[in-house]
Protein backbone atom coordinates (compact mmCIF):
# COMPACT_ATOMS: atom_id res chain seq x y z
CA MET A 1 108.92 117.53 145.49
CA LEU A 2 109.87 118.47 149.06
CA ALA A 3 107.63 120.96 150.85
CA ALA A 4 107.04 122.34 154.34
CA VAL A 5 103.33 121.72 154.88
CA TYR A 6 101.19 123.29 157.61
CA TYR A 7 98.96 120.75 159.38
CA GLY A 8 97.98 122.72 162.44
CA LYS A 9 99.27 124.83 165.28
CA GLU A 10 103.05 124.32 165.62
CA ASP A 11 102.80 121.40 163.18
CA ILE A 12 104.91 121.95 160.07
CA ARG A 13 105.72 118.69 158.30
CA MET A 14 108.47 118.08 155.77
CA MET A 15 106.79 116.02 153.09
CA ASP A 16 107.20 114.71 149.59
CA VAL A 17 104.20 116.12 147.69
CA PRO A 18 103.30 116.13 144.00
CA LYS A 19 105.00 118.75 141.87
CA PRO A 20 102.32 121.28 140.87
CA GLU A 21 100.72 121.00 137.45
CA ILE A 22 99.90 124.22 135.64
CA GLY A 23 97.15 125.14 133.22
CA PRO A 24 96.64 127.88 130.63
CA GLY A 25 97.67 131.31 131.85
CA GLU A 26 99.67 129.91 134.77
CA LEU A 27 103.36 129.79 135.66
CA LEU A 28 105.49 127.26 137.48
CA ILE A 29 108.56 128.55 139.26
CA LYS A 30 111.46 126.71 140.83
CA VAL A 31 111.76 128.45 144.19
CA SER A 32 115.14 130.08 144.86
CA SER A 33 114.38 131.89 148.13
CA ALA A 34 111.41 132.27 150.45
CA SER A 35 111.75 134.34 153.59
CA ILE A 36 109.90 133.92 156.87
CA CYS A 37 107.94 136.90 158.16
CA GLY A 38 105.77 137.67 161.15
CA THR A 39 102.67 136.49 159.28
CA ASP A 40 104.28 133.07 158.75
CA LEU A 41 105.03 132.86 162.47
CA ARG A 42 101.42 133.76 163.26
CA ILE A 43 100.31 130.99 160.88
CA TYR A 44 102.69 128.54 162.57
CA GLN A 45 101.33 129.46 165.99
CA GLY A 46 97.75 128.91 164.85
CA GLY A 47 96.72 132.55 164.94
CA HIS A 48 95.88 133.40 161.31
CA ARG A 49 92.28 133.76 160.15
CA TYR A 50 92.98 132.19 156.74
CA TYR A 51 94.41 129.07 158.41
CA PRO A 52 91.41 127.77 160.39
CA GLU A 53 91.55 124.43 162.14
CA GLY A 54 91.86 121.61 159.63
CA THR A 55 93.80 123.62 157.04
CA ILE A 56 96.54 121.77 155.18
CA ARG A 57 98.59 124.20 153.08
CA ILE A 58 102.12 125.22 152.10
CA PRO A 59 102.86 128.69 153.55
CA GLY A 60 105.41 131.21 152.27
CA HIS A 61 104.51 134.47 150.52
CA GLU A 62 107.88 136.27 150.19
CA VAL A 63 109.04 134.29 147.18
CA VAL A 64 111.60 134.51 144.38
CA GLY A 65 112.21 131.81 141.82
CA ILE A 66 113.13 130.85 138.28
CA ALA A 67 110.48 130.40 135.59
CA GLU A 68 110.38 126.65 135.06
CA LYS A 69 107.27 126.17 132.93
CA ILE A 70 105.04 128.73 131.24
CA GLY A 71 101.37 128.06 130.57
CA GLU A 72 99.62 128.63 127.28
CA GLY A 73 98.73 132.26 126.70
CA VAL A 74 101.30 133.75 129.08
CA GLU A 75 103.25 136.52 127.37
CA GLY A 76 106.38 138.48 128.25
CA LEU A 77 108.10 135.71 130.21
CA SER A 78 110.71 133.14 129.23
CA ILE A 79 112.06 129.97 130.78
CA GLY A 80 114.96 130.68 133.15
CA GLN A 81 113.95 134.22 134.11
CA LYS A 82 114.36 135.23 137.74
CA VAL A 83 111.06 136.54 139.09
CA PHE A 84 109.54 137.84 142.29
CA ILE A 85 105.89 137.02 142.91
CA ALA A 86 103.74 139.74 144.43
CA PRO A 87 101.47 137.70 146.70
CA ASN A 88 98.17 139.59 146.84
CA MET A 89 95.37 139.19 144.30
CA GLY A 90 92.06 141.01 144.24
CA CYS A 91 88.96 140.65 142.09
CA GLY A 92 90.51 143.00 139.54
CA HIS A 93 87.45 145.15 138.93
CA CYS A 94 86.32 146.81 142.19
CA LYS A 95 87.17 150.41 143.09
CA GLN A 96 90.15 149.38 145.22
CA CYS A 97 91.59 147.07 142.57
CA ILE A 98 91.31 149.52 139.68
CA THR A 99 92.91 152.28 141.74
CA GLY A 100 95.94 150.12 142.54
CA ASN A 101 94.92 149.03 146.02
CA ASN A 102 94.22 145.36 145.41
CA ASN A 103 95.46 144.57 148.93
CA LEU A 104 92.24 146.22 150.16
CA CYS A 105 89.89 144.30 147.84
CA SER A 106 86.85 143.13 149.78
CA ASN A 107 85.25 141.15 146.95
CA HIS A 108 87.70 138.32 146.40
CA PHE A 109 90.97 138.28 148.32
CA ASP A 110 93.53 135.63 147.42
CA ALA A 111 97.17 135.51 148.44
CA ILE A 112 100.00 133.12 147.75
CA GLY A 113 101.00 131.29 150.91
CA ILE A 114 97.90 132.61 152.68
CA THR A 115 94.83 131.26 150.87
CA ILE A 116 96.69 129.04 148.37
CA ASP A 117 99.94 127.07 148.46
CA GLY A 118 103.05 129.20 148.75
CA GLY A 119 106.80 129.12 148.47
CA PHE A 120 108.15 126.87 151.23
CA ALA A 121 108.59 124.17 148.60
CA GLU A 122 110.84 123.25 145.71
CA TYR A 123 108.28 124.45 143.16
CA MET A 124 105.31 126.81 143.28
CA ARG A 125 102.36 127.32 140.97
CA VAL A 126 101.48 130.93 140.15
CA PRO A 127 97.74 130.98 139.30
CA ALA A 128 96.34 132.66 136.23
CA ASN A 129 94.74 135.55 138.10
CA ALA A 130 98.15 136.41 139.63
CA VAL A 131 99.79 136.36 136.20
CA GLN A 132 96.97 138.44 134.70
CA GLN A 133 97.13 141.02 137.49
CA GLY A 134 100.86 141.61 137.06
CA CYS A 135 102.10 139.75 140.11
CA VAL A 136 105.09 138.27 138.24
CA ILE A 137 107.94 140.81 138.40
CA LYS A 138 111.31 140.33 136.72
CA ILE A 139 114.42 140.59 138.89
CA HIS A 140 117.88 141.45 137.62
CA ASP A 141 120.31 138.55 137.37
CA ASP A 142 122.81 140.23 139.71
CA VAL A 143 120.31 140.60 142.60
CA ASP A 144 120.68 138.01 145.36
CA PRO A 145 117.41 135.99 145.42
CA ALA A 146 117.42 136.12 149.24
CA VAL A 147 117.40 139.91 149.03
CA ALA A 148 114.77 139.93 146.29
CA ALA A 149 112.54 137.83 148.56
CA LEU A 150 112.37 140.88 150.85
CA ILE A 151 110.62 142.95 148.18
CA GLU A 152 107.21 142.16 149.70
CA PRO A 153 107.93 143.56 153.19
CA PHE A 154 109.88 146.40 151.58
CA ALA A 155 106.80 147.17 149.47
CA CYS A 156 104.76 147.39 152.69
CA VAL A 157 107.32 149.88 154.01
CA LEU A 158 107.17 151.86 150.77
CA ARG A 159 103.38 152.03 151.00
CA GLY A 160 103.65 153.26 154.58
CA GLN A 161 106.10 156.02 153.75
CA LYS A 162 104.16 157.24 150.72
CA ALA A 163 101.27 157.90 153.11
CA VAL A 164 103.34 160.35 155.19
CA HIS A 165 105.22 162.10 152.37
CA ILE A 166 108.76 162.27 153.72
CA GLN A 167 110.43 165.43 152.45
CA PRO A 168 114.14 166.29 152.08
CA GLY A 169 115.48 167.45 155.42
CA ASP A 170 112.67 165.95 157.52
CA VAL A 171 113.40 164.57 160.95
CA VAL A 172 111.99 161.05 160.91
CA LEU A 173 111.36 158.93 163.99
CA VAL A 174 110.96 155.17 163.55
CA ILE A 175 109.63 153.36 166.61
CA GLY A 176 110.82 149.75 166.57
CA ALA A 177 114.00 148.29 165.09
CA GLY A 178 112.86 144.92 163.83
CA PRO A 179 113.32 144.17 160.13
CA ILE A 180 110.47 146.49 159.19
CA GLY A 181 111.87 149.33 161.30
CA ILE A 182 115.30 148.90 159.72
CA MET A 183 113.73 149.03 156.25
CA HIS A 184 111.88 152.20 157.24
CA ALA A 185 115.13 153.81 158.34
CA LYS A 186 116.88 152.84 155.10
CA LEU A 187 114.07 154.07 152.86
CA ALA A 188 113.66 157.35 154.76
CA LYS A 189 117.23 158.21 153.80
CA VAL A 190 116.45 157.58 150.14
CA TRP A 191 113.69 160.20 150.34
CA GLY A 192 116.26 162.63 151.74
CA ALA A 193 115.41 162.66 155.45
CA GLY A 194 117.78 164.97 157.30
CA ARG A 195 117.90 162.87 160.46
CA VAL A 196 116.59 159.36 161.06
CA ILE A 197 116.07 158.47 164.72
CA VAL A 198 115.15 154.97 165.83
CA SER A 199 113.53 154.16 169.17
CA GLU A 200 114.27 150.63 170.41
CA THR A 201 114.37 149.05 173.85
CA ILE A 202 116.10 145.75 172.95
CA PRO A 203 119.89 146.27 173.05
CA PHE A 204 120.92 143.98 170.19
CA ARG A 205 118.26 145.48 167.92
CA ALA A 206 119.36 148.99 168.87
CA GLU A 207 122.90 148.04 167.90
CA GLN A 208 121.69 146.67 164.58
CA ALA A 209 119.88 149.93 163.86
CA LYS A 210 123.07 151.91 164.50
CA ARG A 211 125.08 149.61 162.29
CA MET A 212 122.55 149.80 159.48
CA GLY A 213 122.42 153.54 159.17
CA ALA A 214 120.23 155.20 161.81
CA ASP A 215 121.58 158.63 162.73
CA ARG A 216 120.61 158.16 166.35
CA VAL A 217 119.17 155.27 168.34
CA VAL A 218 117.33 155.94 171.59
CA ASP A 219 116.33 153.43 174.26
CA PRO A 220 113.28 155.17 175.77
CA THR A 221 113.64 153.15 178.97
CA ASN A 222 117.02 154.81 179.63
CA GLU A 223 116.79 158.12 177.78
CA ASP A 224 113.99 160.65 177.41
CA LEU A 225 112.78 160.20 173.84
CA GLU A 226 111.03 163.56 173.63
CA SER A 227 114.19 165.40 174.69
CA ALA A 228 116.25 163.46 172.16
CA ILE A 229 113.81 164.35 169.37
CA LYS A 230 113.94 168.02 170.31
CA GLU A 231 117.75 167.94 170.27
CA GLU A 232 117.71 166.50 166.76
CA SER A 233 115.00 168.83 165.42
CA GLU A 234 115.94 172.24 166.85
CA GLY A 235 113.10 171.89 169.30
CA ARG A 236 110.22 171.38 166.86
CA GLY A 237 109.63 167.63 167.13
CA ALA A 238 109.61 164.89 164.50
CA ASP A 239 108.24 165.78 161.09
CA VAL A 240 107.38 162.14 160.44
CA ILE A 241 106.77 159.34 162.93
CA ILE A 242 106.38 155.72 161.89
CA VAL A 243 105.17 153.43 164.65
CA ALA A 244 106.59 150.15 163.36
CA ALA A 245 105.96 148.27 166.62
CA PRO A 246 102.57 146.83 167.66
CA ALA A 247 102.48 148.91 170.83
CA ARG A 248 99.52 150.90 172.16
CA GLY A 249 101.72 153.20 174.23
CA ALA A 250 103.88 154.05 171.22
CA GLN A 251 100.83 154.97 169.16
CA GLU A 252 99.34 157.09 171.93
CA GLY A 253 102.63 158.79 172.77
CA SER A 254 103.53 159.64 169.18
CA LEU A 255 101.31 162.74 169.13
CA SER A 256 103.41 164.60 171.69
CA LEU A 257 106.61 163.78 169.79
CA ALA A 258 105.40 165.22 166.49
CA ALA A 259 106.19 168.66 165.15
CA VAL A 260 103.45 171.07 164.12
CA GLY A 261 102.19 169.74 160.80
CA GLY A 262 103.73 166.34 161.53
CA ARG A 263 102.66 163.12 159.85
CA ILE A 264 102.21 159.88 161.79
CA ASN A 265 101.75 156.35 160.43
CA PHE A 266 100.44 153.61 162.70
CA PHE A 267 102.25 150.97 160.66
CA GLY A 268 102.13 148.09 163.13
CA GLY A 269 98.69 146.66 163.85
CA LEU A 270 97.69 145.99 167.46
CA PRO A 271 96.51 142.66 168.90
CA LYS A 272 92.81 142.15 168.21
CA ASP A 273 92.01 141.74 171.90
CA ASN A 274 93.80 144.97 172.84
CA SER A 275 93.41 147.29 169.88
CA SER A 276 91.79 150.40 171.34
CA ILE A 277 93.86 153.48 172.10
CA SER A 278 93.07 156.91 173.48
CA PHE A 279 94.73 160.24 172.88
CA ASP A 280 94.08 163.95 173.20
CA SER A 281 92.42 164.98 169.94
CA ASN A 282 93.25 168.61 170.69
CA ILE A 283 96.90 167.77 170.02
CA VAL A 284 95.91 166.59 166.55
CA HIS A 285 93.72 169.66 166.09
CA TYR A 286 96.10 172.40 167.22
CA LYS A 287 99.22 170.86 165.70
CA GLU A 288 97.34 170.07 162.46
CA LEU A 289 98.71 166.53 162.52
CA LEU A 290 98.06 163.87 159.94
CA VAL A 291 97.48 160.50 161.64
CA THR A 292 97.16 157.65 159.19
CA ALA A 293 97.90 153.95 158.78
CA THR A 294 98.69 151.44 156.06
CA THR A 295 98.29 147.70 155.81
CA ALA A 296 100.14 145.17 153.67
CA CYS A 297 101.04 146.23 150.10
CA SER A 298 99.52 146.35 146.66
CA THR A 299 100.95 144.81 143.52
CA ASP A 300 101.79 148.36 142.38
CA ASN A 301 103.80 148.85 145.58
CA CYS A 302 105.66 145.61 144.81
CA TRP A 303 106.53 146.82 141.32
CA GLN A 304 107.92 150.05 142.73
CA ALA A 305 109.83 148.24 145.47
CA ALA A 306 111.27 145.78 142.94
CA GLN A 307 112.58 148.60 140.79
CA ILE A 308 114.30 150.15 143.81
CA ILE A 309 115.94 146.82 144.63
CA ASN A 310 116.87 146.22 140.98
CA SER A 311 118.50 149.66 140.90
CA GLY A 312 120.64 148.97 143.95
CA ARG A 313 119.50 152.25 145.51
CA VAL A 314 118.63 150.45 148.77
CA ASP A 315 120.76 147.58 150.04
CA LEU A 316 118.78 145.05 152.08
CA SER A 317 121.49 142.39 152.14
CA ASP A 318 122.39 143.09 155.77
CA LEU A 319 118.85 142.13 156.82
CA VAL A 320 119.39 138.54 155.71
CA SER A 321 120.55 137.03 158.99
CA LYS A 322 120.55 133.31 158.22
CA ARG A 323 119.80 130.96 155.34
CA PHE A 324 118.43 127.43 155.71
CA PRO A 325 117.94 124.67 153.15
CA LEU A 326 114.33 123.62 152.69
CA LYS A 327 114.92 120.30 154.47
CA GLU A 328 115.69 122.35 157.60
CA ALA A 329 112.52 124.46 157.43
CA LYS A 330 111.51 123.40 160.95
CA GLU A 331 114.85 124.66 162.26
CA ALA A 332 114.37 127.88 160.28
CA PHE A 333 110.99 128.47 161.97
CA ALA A 334 112.49 127.71 165.38
CA GLU A 335 115.23 130.27 164.72
CA ALA A 336 112.73 132.88 163.53
CA LEU A 337 110.61 132.37 166.65
CA GLN A 338 113.58 133.42 168.80
CA LYS A 339 113.22 136.90 167.21
CA LYS A 340 116.94 137.55 167.46
CA ALA A 341 117.53 137.46 163.72
CA LEU A 342 116.21 140.02 161.27
CA LYS A 343 115.22 137.88 158.28
CA ILE A 344 115.46 134.10 157.98
CA VAL A 345 115.48 132.82 154.40
CA ILE A 346 114.70 129.30 153.20
CA GLU A 347 116.60 128.30 150.06
CA PRO A 348 115.26 125.12 148.45
């Protein structure tokens, strides 16, 4: 089969590799769509801890496919079903796993496309522990596979918003209008946010945010963001702030933009070599702010996100900017590195 294989920093090779064999409890899928995310770009650029020097592996963890072969003992699936594969697997028995937070498992972390071969290939093996832990999620026939491939990042967004409890009528500020920021804006409206404001400095991304449903888009380099928030909130500030950009200044400045009793999620992680921030803790104290963060998504989050996508309640189709055949995976990565598109999808 054809696959895009990682051989080292900026070295993705299109190769003919053996079609995976499966054993008892496993599943083989024929990949329909696999989207490229920021983690894949970090892998490509040699900056991912699970891809040390010398690693040879097929990346791709945002994957949808068709059940091609079902291993002995697998129940509830049939050949030809469209499925999304939640990528993260934990040990299955630690406190984090049994409480639905397998993405935080510290005993035995495995992830498709991260620690084992992923979806930038014609076929992908789903290991037994993924099947056993419920990582195989059925997708409705009428859902575009390219859209279904976005369930994983959408699940991360869902996890982030559950942490800040968006309420009907809330004024929500999303800082950053990349694909994650756009998803945050879309989901906030589903919760019933009264106003969704997006802060973005890049003009074409600001325009995308307007087109995709933000009530107001502010470029903080040209407009005072605090004044804009006060205009939209009758002077109280933002009830919820999601910092979807990996920016120290945005994290530090979010406290002054929040309303009394506001909830803030530091959604975007900072670079490891520049990850410390400072802020006035008295603002947190006297405003009674909740400052939290979330990372990645659990399999439970993926199930919830999949049901939202299956229902059609949130339309992510406008985030799919371009589609590439698998044989053009190198071109797809080059396009994604330009960071002008929202989501690039590889379709074997």
